[in-house]
PDBML (XML) file of the C-alpha atoms, coordinates in Angstrom:
<?xml version="1.0" encoding="UTF-8" ?>
<PDBx:datablock datablockName="MODEL"
   xmlns:PDBx="http://pdbml.pdb.org/schema/pdbx-v50.xsd"
   xmlns:xsi="http://www.w3.org/2001/XMLSchema-instance"
   xsi:schemaLocation="http://pdbml.pdb.org/schema/pdbx-v50.xsd pdbx-v50.xsd">
   <PDBx:atom_siteCategory>
      <PDBx:atom_site id="1">
         <PDBx:B_iso_or_equiv>0.00</PDBx:B_iso_or_equiv>
         <PDBx:Cartn_x>-5.746</PDBx:Cartn_x>
         <PDBx:Cartn_y>2.236</PDBx:Cartn_y>
         <PDBx:Cartn_z>53.540</PDBx:Cartn_z>
         <PDBx:auth_asym_id>A</PDBx:auth_asym_id>
         <PDBx:auth_atom_id>CA</PDBx:auth_atom_id>
         <PDBx:auth_comp_id>UNK</PDBx:auth_comp_id>
         <PDBx:auth_seq_id>1</PDBx:auth_seq_id>
         <PDBx:group_PDB>ATOM</PDBx:group_PDB>
         <PDBx:label_alt_id xsi:nil="true" />
         <PDBx:label_asym_id>A</PDBx:label_asym_id>
         <PDBx:label_atom_id>CA</PDBx:label_atom_id>
         <PDBx:label_comp_id>UNK</PDBx:label_comp_id>
         <PDBx:label_entity_id>1</PDBx:label_entity_id>
         <PDBx:label_seq_id>1</PDBx:label_seq_id>
         <PDBx:occupancy>1.00</PDBx:occupancy>
         <PDBx:pdbx_PDB_model_num>1</PDBx:pdbx_PDB_model_num>
         <PDBx:type_symbol>C</PDBx:type_symbol>
      </PDBx:atom_site>
      <PDBx:atom_site id="2">
         <PDBx:B_iso_or_equiv>0.00</PDBx:B_iso_or_equiv>
         <PDBx:Cartn_x>-4.370</PDBx:Cartn_x>
         <PDBx:Cartn_y>-0.638</PDBx:Cartn_y>
         <PDBx:Cartn_z>55.416</PDBx:Cartn_z>
         <PDBx:auth_asym_id>A</PDBx:auth_asym_id>
         <PDBx:auth_atom_id>CA</PDBx:auth_atom_id>
         <PDBx:auth_comp_id>UNK</PDBx:auth_comp_id>
         <PDBx:auth_seq_id>2</PDBx:auth_seq_id>
         <PDBx:group_PDB>ATOM</PDBx:group_PDB>
         <PDBx:label_alt_id xsi:nil="true" />
         <PDBx:label_asym_id>A</PDBx:label_asym_id>
         <PDBx:label_atom_id>CA</PDBx:label_atom_id>
         <PDBx:label_comp_id>UNK</PDBx:label_comp_id>
         <PDBx:label_entity_id>1</PDBx:label_entity_id>
         <PDBx:label_seq_id>2</PDBx:label_seq_id>
         <PDBx:occupancy>1.00</PDBx:occupancy>
         <PDBx:pdbx_PDB_model_num>1</PDBx:pdbx_PDB_model_num>
         <PDBx:type_symbol>C</PDBx:type_symbol>
      </PDBx:atom_site>
      <PDBx:atom_site id="3">
         <PDBx:B_iso_or_equiv>0.00</PDBx:B_iso_or_equiv>
         <PDBx:Cartn_x>-5.549</PDBx:Cartn_x>
         <PDBx:Cartn_y>-3.962</PDBx:Cartn_y>
         <PDBx:Cartn_z>54.374</PDBx:Cartn_z>
         <PDBx:auth_asym_id>A</PDBx:auth_asym_id>
         <PDBx:auth_atom_id>CA</PDBx:auth_atom_id>
         <PDBx:auth_comp_id>UNK</PDBx:auth_comp_id>
         <PDBx:auth_seq_id>3</PDBx:auth_seq_id>
         <PDBx:group_PDB>ATOM</PDBx:group_PDB>
         <PDBx:label_alt_id xsi:nil="true" />
         <PDBx:label_asym_id>A</PDBx:label_asym_id>
         <PDBx:label_atom_id>CA</PDBx:label_atom_id>
         <PDBx:label_comp_id>UNK</PDBx:label_comp_id>
         <PDBx:label_entity_id>1</PDBx:label_entity_id>
         <PDBx:label_seq_id>3</PDBx:label_seq_id>
         <PDBx:occupancy>1.00</PDBx:occupancy>
         <PDBx:pdbx_PDB_model_num>1</PDBx:pdbx_PDB_model_num>
         <PDBx:type_symbol>C</PDBx:type_symbol>
      </PDBx:atom_site>
      <PDBx:atom_site id="4">
         <PDBx:B_iso_or_equiv>0.00</PDBx:B_iso_or_equiv>
         <PDBx:Cartn_x>-6.308</PDBx:Cartn_x>
         <PDBx:Cartn_y>-6.882</PDBx:Cartn_y>
         <PDBx:Cartn_z>56.920</PDBx:Cartn_z>
         <PDBx:auth_asym_id>A</PDBx:auth_asym_id>
         <PDBx:auth_atom_id>CA</PDBx:auth_atom_id>
         <PDBx:auth_comp_id>UNK</PDBx:auth_comp_id>
         <PDBx:auth_seq_id>4</PDBx:auth_seq_id>
         <PDBx:group_PDB>ATOM</PDBx:group_PDB>
         <PDBx:label_alt_id xsi:nil="true" />
         <PDBx:label_asym_id>A</PDBx:label_asym_id>
         <PDBx:label_atom_id>CA</PDBx:label_atom_id>
         <PDBx:label_comp_id>UNK</PDBx:label_comp_id>
         <PDBx:label_entity_id>1</PDBx:label_entity_id>
         <PDBx:label_seq_id>4</PDBx:label_seq_id>
         <PDBx:occupancy>1.00</PDBx:occupancy>
         <PDBx:pdbx_PDB_model_num>1</PDBx:pdbx_PDB_model_num>
         <PDBx:type_symbol>C</PDBx:type_symbol>
      </PDBx:atom_site>
      <PDBx:atom_site id="5">
         <PDBx:B_iso_or_equiv>0.00</PDBx:B_iso_or_equiv>
         <PDBx:Cartn_x>-4.830</PDBx:Cartn_x>
         <PDBx:Cartn_y>-10.227</PDBx:Cartn_y>
         <PDBx:Cartn_z>56.808</PDBx:Cartn_z>
         <PDBx:auth_asym_id>A</PDBx:auth_asym_id>
         <PDBx:auth_atom_id>CA</PDBx:auth_atom_id>
         <PDBx:auth_comp_id>UNK</PDBx:auth_comp_id>
         <PDBx:auth_seq_id>5</PDBx:auth_seq_id>
         <PDBx:group_PDB>ATOM</PDBx:group_PDB>
         <PDBx:label_alt_id xsi:nil="true" />
         <PDBx:label_asym_id>A</PDBx:label_asym_id>
         <PDBx:label_atom_id>CA</PDBx:label_atom_id>
         <PDBx:label_comp_id>UNK</PDBx:label_comp_id>
         <PDBx:label_entity_id>1</PDBx:label_entity_id>
         <PDBx:label_seq_id>5</PDBx:label_seq_id>
         <PDBx:occupancy>1.00</PDBx:occupancy>
         <PDBx:pdbx_PDB_model_num>1</PDBx:pdbx_PDB_model_num>
         <PDBx:type_symbol>C</PDBx:type_symbol>
      </PDBx:atom_site>
      <PDBx:atom_site id="6">
         <PDBx:B_iso_or_equiv>0.00</PDBx:B_iso_or_equiv>
         <PDBx:Cartn_x>-5.987</PDBx:Cartn_x>
         <PDBx:Cartn_y>-12.402</PDBx:Cartn_y>
         <PDBx:Cartn_z>53.922</PDBx:Cartn_z>
         <PDBx:auth_asym_id>A</PDBx:auth_asym_id>
         <PDBx:auth_atom_id>CA</PDBx:auth_atom_id>
         <PDBx:auth_comp_id>UNK</PDBx:auth_comp_id>
         <PDBx:auth_seq_id>6</PDBx:auth_seq_id>
         <PDBx:group_PDB>ATOM</PDBx:group_PDB>
         <PDBx:label_alt_id xsi:nil="true" />
         <PDBx:label_asym_id>A</PDBx:label_asym_id>
         <PDBx:label_atom_id>CA</PDBx:label_atom_id>
         <PDBx:label_comp_id>UNK</PDBx:label_comp_id>
         <PDBx:label_entity_id>1</PDBx:label_entity_id>
         <PDBx:label_seq_id>6</PDBx:label_seq_id>
         <PDBx:occupancy>1.00</PDBx:occupancy>
         <PDBx:pdbx_PDB_model_num>1</PDBx:pdbx_PDB_model_num>
         <PDBx:type_symbol>C</PDBx:type_symbol>
      </PDBx:atom_site>
      <PDBx:atom_site id="7">
         <PDBx:B_iso_or_equiv>0.00</PDBx:B_iso_or_equiv>
         <PDBx:Cartn_x>-8.140</PDBx:Cartn_x>
         <PDBx:Cartn_y>-9.874</PDBx:Cartn_y>
         <PDBx:Cartn_z>52.271</PDBx:Cartn_z>
         <PDBx:auth_asym_id>A</PDBx:auth_asym_id>
         <PDBx:auth_atom_id>CA</PDBx:auth_atom_id>
         <PDBx:auth_comp_id>UNK</PDBx:auth_comp_id>
         <PDBx:auth_seq_id>7</PDBx:auth_seq_id>
         <PDBx:group_PDB>ATOM</PDBx:group_PDB>
         <PDBx:label_alt_id xsi:nil="true" />
         <PDBx:label_asym_id>A</PDBx:label_asym_id>
         <PDBx:label_atom_id>CA</PDBx:label_atom_id>
         <PDBx:label_comp_id>UNK</PDBx:label_comp_id>
         <PDBx:label_entity_id>1</PDBx:label_entity_id>
         <PDBx:label_seq_id>7</PDBx:label_seq_id>
         <PDBx:occupancy>1.00</PDBx:occupancy>
         <PDBx:pdbx_PDB_model_num>1</PDBx:pdbx_PDB_model_num>
         <PDBx:type_symbol>C</PDBx:type_symbol>
      </PDBx:atom_site>
      <PDBx:atom_site id="8">
         <PDBx:B_iso_or_equiv>0.00</PDBx:B_iso_or_equiv>
         <PDBx:Cartn_x>-8.487</PDBx:Cartn_x>
         <PDBx:Cartn_y>-9.668</PDBx:Cartn_y>
         <PDBx:Cartn_z>48.558</PDBx:Cartn_z>
         <PDBx:auth_asym_id>A</PDBx:auth_asym_id>
         <PDBx:auth_atom_id>CA</PDBx:auth_atom_id>
         <PDBx:auth_comp_id>UNK</PDBx:auth_comp_id>
         <PDBx:auth_seq_id>8</PDBx:auth_seq_id>
         <PDBx:group_PDB>ATOM</PDBx:group_PDB>
         <PDBx:label_alt_id xsi:nil="true" />
         <PDBx:label_asym_id>A</PDBx:label_asym_id>
         <PDBx:label_atom_id>CA</PDBx:label_atom_id>
         <PDBx:label_comp_id>UNK</PDBx:label_comp_id>
         <PDBx:label_entity_id>1</PDBx:label_entity_id>
         <PDBx:label_seq_id>8</PDBx:label_seq_id>
         <PDBx:occupancy>1.00</PDBx:occupancy>
         <PDBx:pdbx_PDB_model_num>1</PDBx:pdbx_PDB_model_num>
         <PDBx:type_symbol>C</PDBx:type_symbol>
      </PDBx:atom_site>
      <PDBx:atom_site id="9">
         <PDBx:B_iso_or_equiv>0.00</PDBx:B_iso_or_equiv>
         <PDBx:Cartn_x>-8.814</PDBx:Cartn_x>
         <PDBx:Cartn_y>-5.939</PDBx:Cartn_y>
         <PDBx:Cartn_z>47.436</PDBx:Cartn_z>
         <PDBx:auth_asym_id>A</PDBx:auth_asym_id>
         <PDBx:auth_atom_id>CA</PDBx:auth_atom_id>
         <PDBx:auth_comp_id>UNK</PDBx:auth_comp_id>
         <PDBx:auth_seq_id>9</PDBx:auth_seq_id>
         <PDBx:group_PDB>ATOM</PDBx:group_PDB>
         <PDBx:label_alt_id xsi:nil="true" />
         <PDBx:label_asym_id>A</PDBx:label_asym_id>
         <PDBx:label_atom_id>CA</PDBx:label_atom_id>
         <PDBx:label_comp_id>UNK</PDBx:label_comp_id>
         <PDBx:label_entity_id>1</PDBx:label_entity_id>
         <PDBx:label_seq_id>9</PDBx:label_seq_id>
         <PDBx:occupancy>1.00</PDBx:occupancy>
         <PDBx:pdbx_PDB_model_num>1</PDBx:pdbx_PDB_model_num>
         <PDBx:type_symbol>C</PDBx:type_symbol>
      </PDBx:atom_site>
      <PDBx:atom_site id="10">
         <PDBx:B_iso_or_equiv>0.00</PDBx:B_iso_or_equiv>
         <PDBx:Cartn_x>-8.850</PDBx:Cartn_x>
         <PDBx:Cartn_y>-4.126</PDBx:Cartn_y>
         <PDBx:Cartn_z>44.041</PDBx:Cartn_z>
         <PDBx:auth_asym_id>A</PDBx:auth_asym_id>
         <PDBx:auth_atom_id>CA</PDBx:auth_atom_id>
         <PDBx:auth_comp_id>UNK</PDBx:auth_comp_id>
         <PDBx:auth_seq_id>10</PDBx:auth_seq_id>
         <PDBx:group_PDB>ATOM</PDBx:group_PDB>
         <PDBx:label_alt_id xsi:nil="true" />
         <PDBx:label_asym_id>A</PDBx:label_asym_id>
         <PDBx:label_atom_id>CA</PDBx:label_atom_id>
         <PDBx:label_comp_id>UNK</PDBx:label_comp_id>
         <PDBx:label_entity_id>1</PDBx:label_entity_id>
         <PDBx:label_seq_id>10</PDBx:label_seq_id>
         <PDBx:occupancy>1.00</PDBx:occupancy>
         <PDBx:pdbx_PDB_model_num>1</PDBx:pdbx_PDB_model_num>
         <PDBx:type_symbol>C</PDBx:type_symbol>
      </PDBx:atom_site>
      <PDBx:atom_site id="11">
         <PDBx:B_iso_or_equiv>0.00</PDBx:B_iso_or_equiv>
         <PDBx:Cartn_x>-9.774</PDBx:Cartn_x>
         <PDBx:Cartn_y>-0.924</PDBx:Cartn_y>
         <PDBx:Cartn_z>42.414</PDBx:Cartn_z>
         <PDBx:auth_asym_id>A</PDBx:auth_asym_id>
         <PDBx:auth_atom_id>CA</PDBx:auth_atom_id>
         <PDBx:auth_comp_id>UNK</PDBx:auth_comp_id>
         <PDBx:auth_seq_id>11</PDBx:auth_seq_id>
         <PDBx:group_PDB>ATOM</PDBx:group_PDB>
         <PDBx:label_alt_id xsi:nil="true" />
         <PDBx:label_asym_id>A</PDBx:label_asym_id>
         <PDBx:label_atom_id>CA</PDBx:label_atom_id>
         <PDBx:label_comp_id>UNK</PDBx:label_comp_id>
         <PDBx:label_entity_id>1</PDBx:label_entity_id>
         <PDBx:label_seq_id>11</PDBx:label_seq_id>
         <PDBx:occupancy>1.00</PDBx:occupancy>
         <PDBx:pdbx_PDB_model_num>1</PDBx:pdbx_PDB_model_num>
         <PDBx:type_symbol>C</PDBx:type_symbol>
      </PDBx:atom_site>
      <PDBx:atom_site id="12">
         <PDBx:B_iso_or_equiv>0.00</PDBx:B_iso_or_equiv>
         <PDBx:Cartn_x>-9.082</PDBx:Cartn_x>
         <PDBx:Cartn_y>2.811</PDBx:Cartn_y>
         <PDBx:Cartn_z>42.762</PDBx:Cartn_z>
         <PDBx:auth_asym_id>A</PDBx:auth_asym_id>
         <PDBx:auth_atom_id>CA</PDBx:auth_atom_id>
         <PDBx:auth_comp_id>UNK</PDBx:auth_comp_id>
         <PDBx:auth_seq_id>12</PDBx:auth_seq_id>
         <PDBx:group_PDB>ATOM</PDBx:group_PDB>
         <PDBx:label_alt_id xsi:nil="true" />
         <PDBx:label_asym_id>A</PDBx:label_asym_id>
         <PDBx:label_atom_id>CA</PDBx:label_atom_id>
         <PDBx:label_comp_id>UNK</PDBx:label_comp_id>
         <PDBx:label_entity_id>1</PDBx:label_entity_id>
         <PDBx:label_seq_id>12</PDBx:label_seq_id>
         <PDBx:occupancy>1.00</PDBx:occupancy>
         <PDBx:pdbx_PDB_model_num>1</PDBx:pdbx_PDB_model_num>
         <PDBx:type_symbol>C</PDBx:type_symbol>
      </PDBx:atom_site>
      <PDBx:atom_site id="13">
         <PDBx:B_iso_or_equiv>0.00</PDBx:B_iso_or_equiv>
         <PDBx:Cartn_x>-9.413</PDBx:Cartn_x>
         <PDBx:Cartn_y>3.319</PDBx:Cartn_y>
         <PDBx:Cartn_z>45.451</PDBx:Cartn_z>
         <PDBx:auth_asym_id>A</PDBx:auth_asym_id>
         <PDBx:auth_atom_id>CA</PDBx:auth_atom_id>
         <PDBx:auth_comp_id>UNK</PDBx:auth_comp_id>
         <PDBx:auth_seq_id>13</PDBx:auth_seq_id>
         <PDBx:group_PDB>ATOM</PDBx:group_PDB>
         <PDBx:label_alt_id xsi:nil="true" />
         <PDBx:label_asym_id>A</PDBx:label_asym_id>
         <PDBx:label_atom_id>CA</PDBx:label_atom_id>
         <PDBx:label_comp_id>UNK</PDBx:label_comp_id>
         <PDBx:label_entity_id>1</PDBx:label_entity_id>
         <PDBx:label_seq_id>13</PDBx:label_seq_id>
         <PDBx:occupancy>1.00</PDBx:occupancy>
         <PDBx:pdbx_PDB_model_num>1</PDBx:pdbx_PDB_model_num>
         <PDBx:type_symbol>C</PDBx:type_symbol>
      </PDBx:atom_site>
      <PDBx:atom_site id="14">
         <PDBx:B_iso_or_equiv>0.00</PDBx:B_iso_or_equiv>
         <PDBx:Cartn_x>-8.938</PDBx:Cartn_x>
         <PDBx:Cartn_y>-0.255</PDBx:Cartn_y>
         <PDBx:Cartn_z>46.418</PDBx:Cartn_z>
         <PDBx:auth_asym_id>A</PDBx:auth_asym_id>
         <PDBx:auth_atom_id>CA</PDBx:auth_atom_id>
         <PDBx:auth_comp_id>UNK</PDBx:auth_comp_id>
         <PDBx:auth_seq_id>14</PDBx:auth_seq_id>
         <PDBx:group_PDB>ATOM</PDBx:group_PDB>
         <PDBx:label_alt_id xsi:nil="true" />
         <PDBx:label_asym_id>A</PDBx:label_asym_id>
         <PDBx:label_atom_id>CA</PDBx:label_atom_id>
         <PDBx:label_comp_id>UNK</PDBx:label_comp_id>
         <PDBx:label_entity_id>1</PDBx:label_entity_id>
         <PDBx:label_seq_id>14</PDBx:label_seq_id>
         <PDBx:occupancy>1.00</PDBx:occupancy>
         <PDBx:pdbx_PDB_model_num>1</PDBx:pdbx_PDB_model_num>
         <PDBx:type_symbol>C</PDBx:type_symbol>
      </PDBx:atom_site>
      <PDBx:atom_site id="15">
         <PDBx:B_iso_or_equiv>0.00</PDBx:B_iso_or_equiv>
         <PDBx:Cartn_x>-11.897</PDBx:Cartn_x>
         <PDBx:Cartn_y>-1.755</PDBx:Cartn_y>
         <PDBx:Cartn_z>48.119</PDBx:Cartn_z>
         <PDBx:auth_asym_id>A</PDBx:auth_asym_id>
         <PDBx:auth_atom_id>CA</PDBx:auth_atom_id>
         <PDBx:auth_comp_id>UNK</PDBx:auth_comp_id>
         <PDBx:auth_seq_id>15</PDBx:auth_seq_id>
         <PDBx:group_PDB>ATOM</PDBx:group_PDB>
         <PDBx:label_alt_id xsi:nil="true" />
         <PDBx:label_asym_id>A</PDBx:label_asym_id>
         <PDBx:label_atom_id>CA</PDBx:label_atom_id>
         <PDBx:label_comp_id>UNK</PDBx:label_comp_id>
         <PDBx:label_entity_id>1</PDBx:label_entity_id>
         <PDBx:label_seq_id>15</PDBx:label_seq_id>
         <PDBx:occupancy>1.00</PDBx:occupancy>
         <PDBx:pdbx_PDB_model_num>1</PDBx:pdbx_PDB_model_num>
         <PDBx:type_symbol>C</PDBx:type_symbol>
      </PDBx:atom_site>
      <PDBx:atom_site id="16">
         <PDBx:B_iso_or_equiv>0.00</PDBx:B_iso_or_equiv>
         <PDBx:Cartn_x>-12.691</PDBx:Cartn_x>
         <PDBx:Cartn_y>-5.230</PDBx:Cartn_y>
         <PDBx:Cartn_z>49.766</PDBx:Cartn_z>
         <PDBx:auth_asym_id>A</PDBx:auth_asym_id>
         <PDBx:auth_atom_id>CA</PDBx:auth_atom_id>
         <PDBx:auth_comp_id>UNK</PDBx:auth_comp_id>
         <PDBx:auth_seq_id>16</PDBx:auth_seq_id>
         <PDBx:group_PDB>ATOM</PDBx:group_PDB>
         <PDBx:label_alt_id xsi:nil="true" />
         <PDBx:label_asym_id>A</PDBx:label_asym_id>
         <PDBx:label_atom_id>CA</PDBx:label_atom_id>
         <PDBx:label_comp_id>UNK</PDBx:label_comp_id>
         <PDBx:label_entity_id>1</PDBx:label_entity_id>
         <PDBx:label_seq_id>16</PDBx:label_seq_id>
         <PDBx:occupancy>1.00</PDBx:occupancy>
         <PDBx:pdbx_PDB_model_num>1</PDBx:pdbx_PDB_model_num>
         <PDBx:type_symbol>C</PDBx:type_symbol>
      </PDBx:atom_site>
      <PDBx:atom_site id="17">
         <PDBx:B_iso_or_equiv>0.00</PDBx:B_iso_or_equiv>
         <PDBx:Cartn_x>-13.685</PDBx:Cartn_x>
         <PDBx:Cartn_y>-7.891</PDBx:Cartn_y>
         <PDBx:Cartn_z>47.338</PDBx:Cartn_z>
         <PDBx:auth_asym_id>A</PDBx:auth_asym_id>
         <PDBx:auth_atom_id>CA</PDBx:auth_atom_id>
         <PDBx:auth_comp_id>UNK</PDBx:auth_comp_id>
         <PDBx:auth_seq_id>17</PDBx:auth_seq_id>
         <PDBx:group_PDB>ATOM</PDBx:group_PDB>
         <PDBx:label_alt_id xsi:nil="true" />
         <PDBx:label_asym_id>A</PDBx:label_asym_id>
         <PDBx:label_atom_id>CA</PDBx:label_atom_id>
         <PDBx:label_comp_id>UNK</PDBx:label_comp_id>
         <PDBx:label_entity_id>1</PDBx:label_entity_id>
         <PDBx:label_seq_id>17</PDBx:label_seq_id>
         <PDBx:occupancy>1.00</PDBx:occupancy>
         <PDBx:pdbx_PDB_model_num>1</PDBx:pdbx_PDB_model_num>
         <PDBx:type_symbol>C</PDBx:type_symbol>
      </PDBx:atom_site>
      <PDBx:atom_site id="18">
         <PDBx:B_iso_or_equiv>0.00</PDBx:B_iso_or_equiv>
         <PDBx:Cartn_x>-13.592</PDBx:Cartn_x>
         <PDBx:Cartn_y>-11.125</PDBx:Cartn_y>
         <PDBx:Cartn_z>49.331</PDBx:Cartn_z>
         <PDBx:auth_asym_id>A</PDBx:auth_asym_id>
         <PDBx:auth_atom_id>CA</PDBx:auth_atom_id>
         <PDBx:auth_comp_id>UNK</PDBx:auth_comp_id>
         <PDBx:auth_seq_id>18</PDBx:auth_seq_id>
         <PDBx:group_PDB>ATOM</PDBx:group_PDB>
         <PDBx:label_alt_id xsi:nil="true" />
         <PDBx:label_asym_id>A</PDBx:label_asym_id>
         <PDBx:label_atom_id>CA</PDBx:label_atom_id>
         <PDBx:label_comp_id>UNK</PDBx:label_comp_id>
         <PDBx:label_entity_id>1</PDBx:label_entity_id>
         <PDBx:label_seq_id>18</PDBx:label_seq_id>
         <PDBx:occupancy>1.00</PDBx:occupancy>
         <PDBx:pdbx_PDB_model_num>1</PDBx:pdbx_PDB_model_num>
         <PDBx:type_symbol>C</PDBx:type_symbol>
      </PDBx:atom_site>
      <PDBx:atom_site id="19">
         <PDBx:B_iso_or_equiv>0.00</PDBx:B_iso_or_equiv>
         <PDBx:Cartn_x>-11.656</PDBx:Cartn_x>
         <PDBx:Cartn_y>-13.119</PDBx:Cartn_y>
         <PDBx:Cartn_z>52.077</PDBx:Cartn_z>
         <PDBx:auth_asym_id>A</PDBx:auth_asym_id>
         <PDBx:auth_atom_id>CA</PDBx:auth_atom_id>
         <PDBx:auth_comp_id>UNK</PDBx:auth_comp_id>
         <PDBx:auth_seq_id>19</PDBx:auth_seq_id>
         <PDBx:group_PDB>ATOM</PDBx:group_PDB>
         <PDBx:label_alt_id xsi:nil="true" />
         <PDBx:label_asym_id>A</PDBx:label_asym_id>
         <PDBx:label_atom_id>CA</PDBx:label_atom_id>
         <PDBx:label_comp_id>UNK</PDBx:label_comp_id>
         <PDBx:label_entity_id>1</PDBx:label_entity_id>
         <PDBx:label_seq_id>19</PDBx:label_seq_id>
         <PDBx:occupancy>1.00</PDBx:occupancy>
         <PDBx:pdbx_PDB_model_num>1</PDBx:pdbx_PDB_model_num>
         <PDBx:type_symbol>C</PDBx:type_symbol>
      </PDBx:atom_site>
      <PDBx:atom_site id="20">
         <PDBx:B_iso_or_equiv>0.00</PDBx:B_iso_or_equiv>
         <PDBx:Cartn_x>-8.896</PDBx:Cartn_x>
         <PDBx:Cartn_y>-15.426</PDBx:Cartn_y>
         <PDBx:Cartn_z>50.537</PDBx:Cartn_z>
         <PDBx:auth_asym_id>A</PDBx:auth_asym_id>
         <PDBx:auth_atom_id>CA</PDBx:auth_atom_id>
         <PDBx:auth_comp_id>UNK</PDBx:auth_comp_id>
         <PDBx:auth_seq_id>20</PDBx:auth_seq_id>
         <PDBx:group_PDB>ATOM</PDBx:group_PDB>
         <PDBx:label_alt_id xsi:nil="true" />
         <PDBx:label_asym_id>A</PDBx:label_asym_id>
         <PDBx:label_atom_id>CA</PDBx:label_atom_id>
         <PDBx:label_comp_id>UNK</PDBx:label_comp_id>
         <PDBx:label_entity_id>1</PDBx:label_entity_id>
         <PDBx:label_seq_id>20</PDBx:label_seq_id>
         <PDBx:occupancy>1.00</PDBx:occupancy>
         <PDBx:pdbx_PDB_model_num>1</PDBx:pdbx_PDB_model_num>
         <PDBx:type_symbol>C</PDBx:type_symbol>
      </PDBx:atom_site>
      <PDBx:atom_site id="21">
         <PDBx:B_iso_or_equiv>0.00</PDBx:B_iso_or_equiv>
         <PDBx:Cartn_x>-9.957</PDBx:Cartn_x>
         <PDBx:Cartn_y>-18.233</PDBx:Cartn_y>
         <PDBx:Cartn_z>53.109</PDBx:Cartn_z>
         <PDBx:auth_asym_id>A</PDBx:auth_asym_id>
         <PDBx:auth_atom_id>CA</PDBx:auth_atom_id>
         <PDBx:auth_comp_id>UNK</PDBx:auth_comp_id>
         <PDBx:auth_seq_id>21</PDBx:auth_seq_id>
         <PDBx:group_PDB>ATOM</PDBx:group_PDB>
         <PDBx:label_alt_id xsi:nil="true" />
         <PDBx:label_asym_id>A</PDBx:label_asym_id>
         <PDBx:label_atom_id>CA</PDBx:label_atom_id>
         <PDBx:label_comp_id>UNK</PDBx:label_comp_id>
         <PDBx:label_entity_id>1</PDBx:label_entity_id>
         <PDBx:label_seq_id>21</PDBx:label_seq_id>
         <PDBx:occupancy>1.00</PDBx:occupancy>
         <PDBx:pdbx_PDB_model_num>1</PDBx:pdbx_PDB_model_num>
         <PDBx:type_symbol>C</PDBx:type_symbol>
      </PDBx:atom_site>
      <PDBx:atom_site id="22">
         <PDBx:B_iso_or_equiv>0.00</PDBx:B_iso_or_equiv>
         <PDBx:Cartn_x>-12.943</PDBx:Cartn_x>
         <PDBx:Cartn_y>-18.868</PDBx:Cartn_y>
         <PDBx:Cartn_z>55.337</PDBx:Cartn_z>
         <PDBx:auth_asym_id>A</PDBx:auth_asym_id>
         <PDBx:auth_atom_id>CA</PDBx:auth_atom_id>
         <PDBx:auth_comp_id>UNK</PDBx:auth_comp_id>
         <PDBx:auth_seq_id>22</PDBx:auth_seq_id>
         <PDBx:group_PDB>ATOM</PDBx:group_PDB>
         <PDBx:label_alt_id xsi:nil="true" />
         <PDBx:label_asym_id>A</PDBx:label_asym_id>
         <PDBx:label_atom_id>CA</PDBx:label_atom_id>
         <PDBx:label_comp_id>UNK</PDBx:label_comp_id>
         <PDBx:label_entity_id>1</PDBx:label_entity_id>
         <PDBx:label_seq_id>22</PDBx:label_seq_id>
         <PDBx:occupancy>1.00</PDBx:occupancy>
         <PDBx:pdbx_PDB_model_num>1</PDBx:pdbx_PDB_model_num>
         <PDBx:type_symbol>C</PDBx:type_symbol>
      </PDBx:atom_site>
      <PDBx:atom_site id="23">
         <PDBx:B_iso_or_equiv>0.00</PDBx:B_iso_or_equiv>
         <PDBx:Cartn_x>-12.677</PDBx:Cartn_x>
         <PDBx:Cartn_y>-17.523</PDBx:Cartn_y>
         <PDBx:Cartn_z>59.037</PDBx:Cartn_z>
         <PDBx:auth_asym_id>A</PDBx:auth_asym_id>
         <PDBx:auth_atom_id>CA</PDBx:auth_atom_id>
         <PDBx:auth_comp_id>UNK</PDBx:auth_comp_id>
         <PDBx:auth_seq_id>23</PDBx:auth_seq_id>
         <PDBx:group_PDB>ATOM</PDBx:group_PDB>
         <PDBx:label_alt_id xsi:nil="true" />
         <PDBx:label_asym_id>A</PDBx:label_asym_id>
         <PDBx:label_atom_id>CA</PDBx:label_atom_id>
         <PDBx:label_comp_id>UNK</PDBx:label_comp_id>
         <PDBx:label_entity_id>1</PDBx:label_entity_id>
         <PDBx:label_seq_id>23</PDBx:label_seq_id>
         <PDBx:occupancy>1.00</PDBx:occupancy>
         <PDBx:pdbx_PDB_model_num>1</PDBx:pdbx_PDB_model_num>
         <PDBx:type_symbol>C</PDBx:type_symbol>
      </PDBx:atom_site>
      <PDBx:atom_site id="24">
         <PDBx:B_iso_or_equiv>0.00</PDBx:B_iso_or_equiv>
         <PDBx:Cartn_x>-11.586</PDBx:Cartn_x>
         <PDBx:Cartn_y>-20.812</PDBx:Cartn_y>
         <PDBx:Cartn_z>60.717</PDBx:Cartn_z>
         <PDBx:auth_asym_id>A</PDBx:auth_asym_id>
         <PDBx:auth_atom_id>CA</PDBx:auth_atom_id>
         <PDBx:auth_comp_id>UNK</PDBx:auth_comp_id>
         <PDBx:auth_seq_id>24</PDBx:auth_seq_id>
         <PDBx:group_PDB>ATOM</PDBx:group_PDB>
         <PDBx:label_alt_id xsi:nil="true" />
         <PDBx:label_asym_id>A</PDBx:label_asym_id>
         <PDBx:label_atom_id>CA</PDBx:label_atom_id>
         <PDBx:label_comp_id>UNK</PDBx:label_comp_id>
         <PDBx:label_entity_id>1</PDBx:label_entity_id>
         <PDBx:label_seq_id>24</PDBx:label_seq_id>
         <PDBx:occupancy>1.00</PDBx:occupancy>
         <PDBx:pdbx_PDB_model_num>1</PDBx:pdbx_PDB_model_num>
         <PDBx:type_symbol>C</PDBx:type_symbol>
      </PDBx:atom_site>
      <PDBx:atom_site id="25">
         <PDBx:B_iso_or_equiv>0.00</PDBx:B_iso_or_equiv>
         <PDBx:Cartn_x>-8.779</PDBx:Cartn_x>
         <PDBx:Cartn_y>-21.426</PDBx:Cartn_y>
         <PDBx:Cartn_z>58.044</PDBx:Cartn_z>
         <PDBx:auth_asym_id>A</PDBx:auth_asym_id>
         <PDBx:auth_atom_id>CA</PDBx:auth_atom_id>
         <PDBx:auth_comp_id>UNK</PDBx:auth_comp_id>
         <PDBx:auth_seq_id>25</PDBx:auth_seq_id>
         <PDBx:group_PDB>ATOM</PDBx:group_PDB>
         <PDBx:label_alt_id xsi:nil="true" />
         <PDBx:label_asym_id>A</PDBx:label_asym_id>
         <PDBx:label_atom_id>CA</PDBx:label_atom_id>
         <PDBx:label_comp_id>UNK</PDBx:label_comp_id>
         <PDBx:label_entity_id>1</PDBx:label_entity_id>
         <PDBx:label_seq_id>25</PDBx:label_seq_id>
         <PDBx:occupancy>1.00</PDBx:occupancy>
         <PDBx:pdbx_PDB_model_num>1</PDBx:pdbx_PDB_model_num>
         <PDBx:type_symbol>C</PDBx:type_symbol>
      </PDBx:atom_site>
   </PDBx:atom_siteCategory>
</PDBx:datablock>
């Protein structure tokens, strides 16, 4: 599936792990 800006994903199927930066950044 498509991945939003600055998202870190992984796995099979890939799942959201965390945001690369906080929202304001």
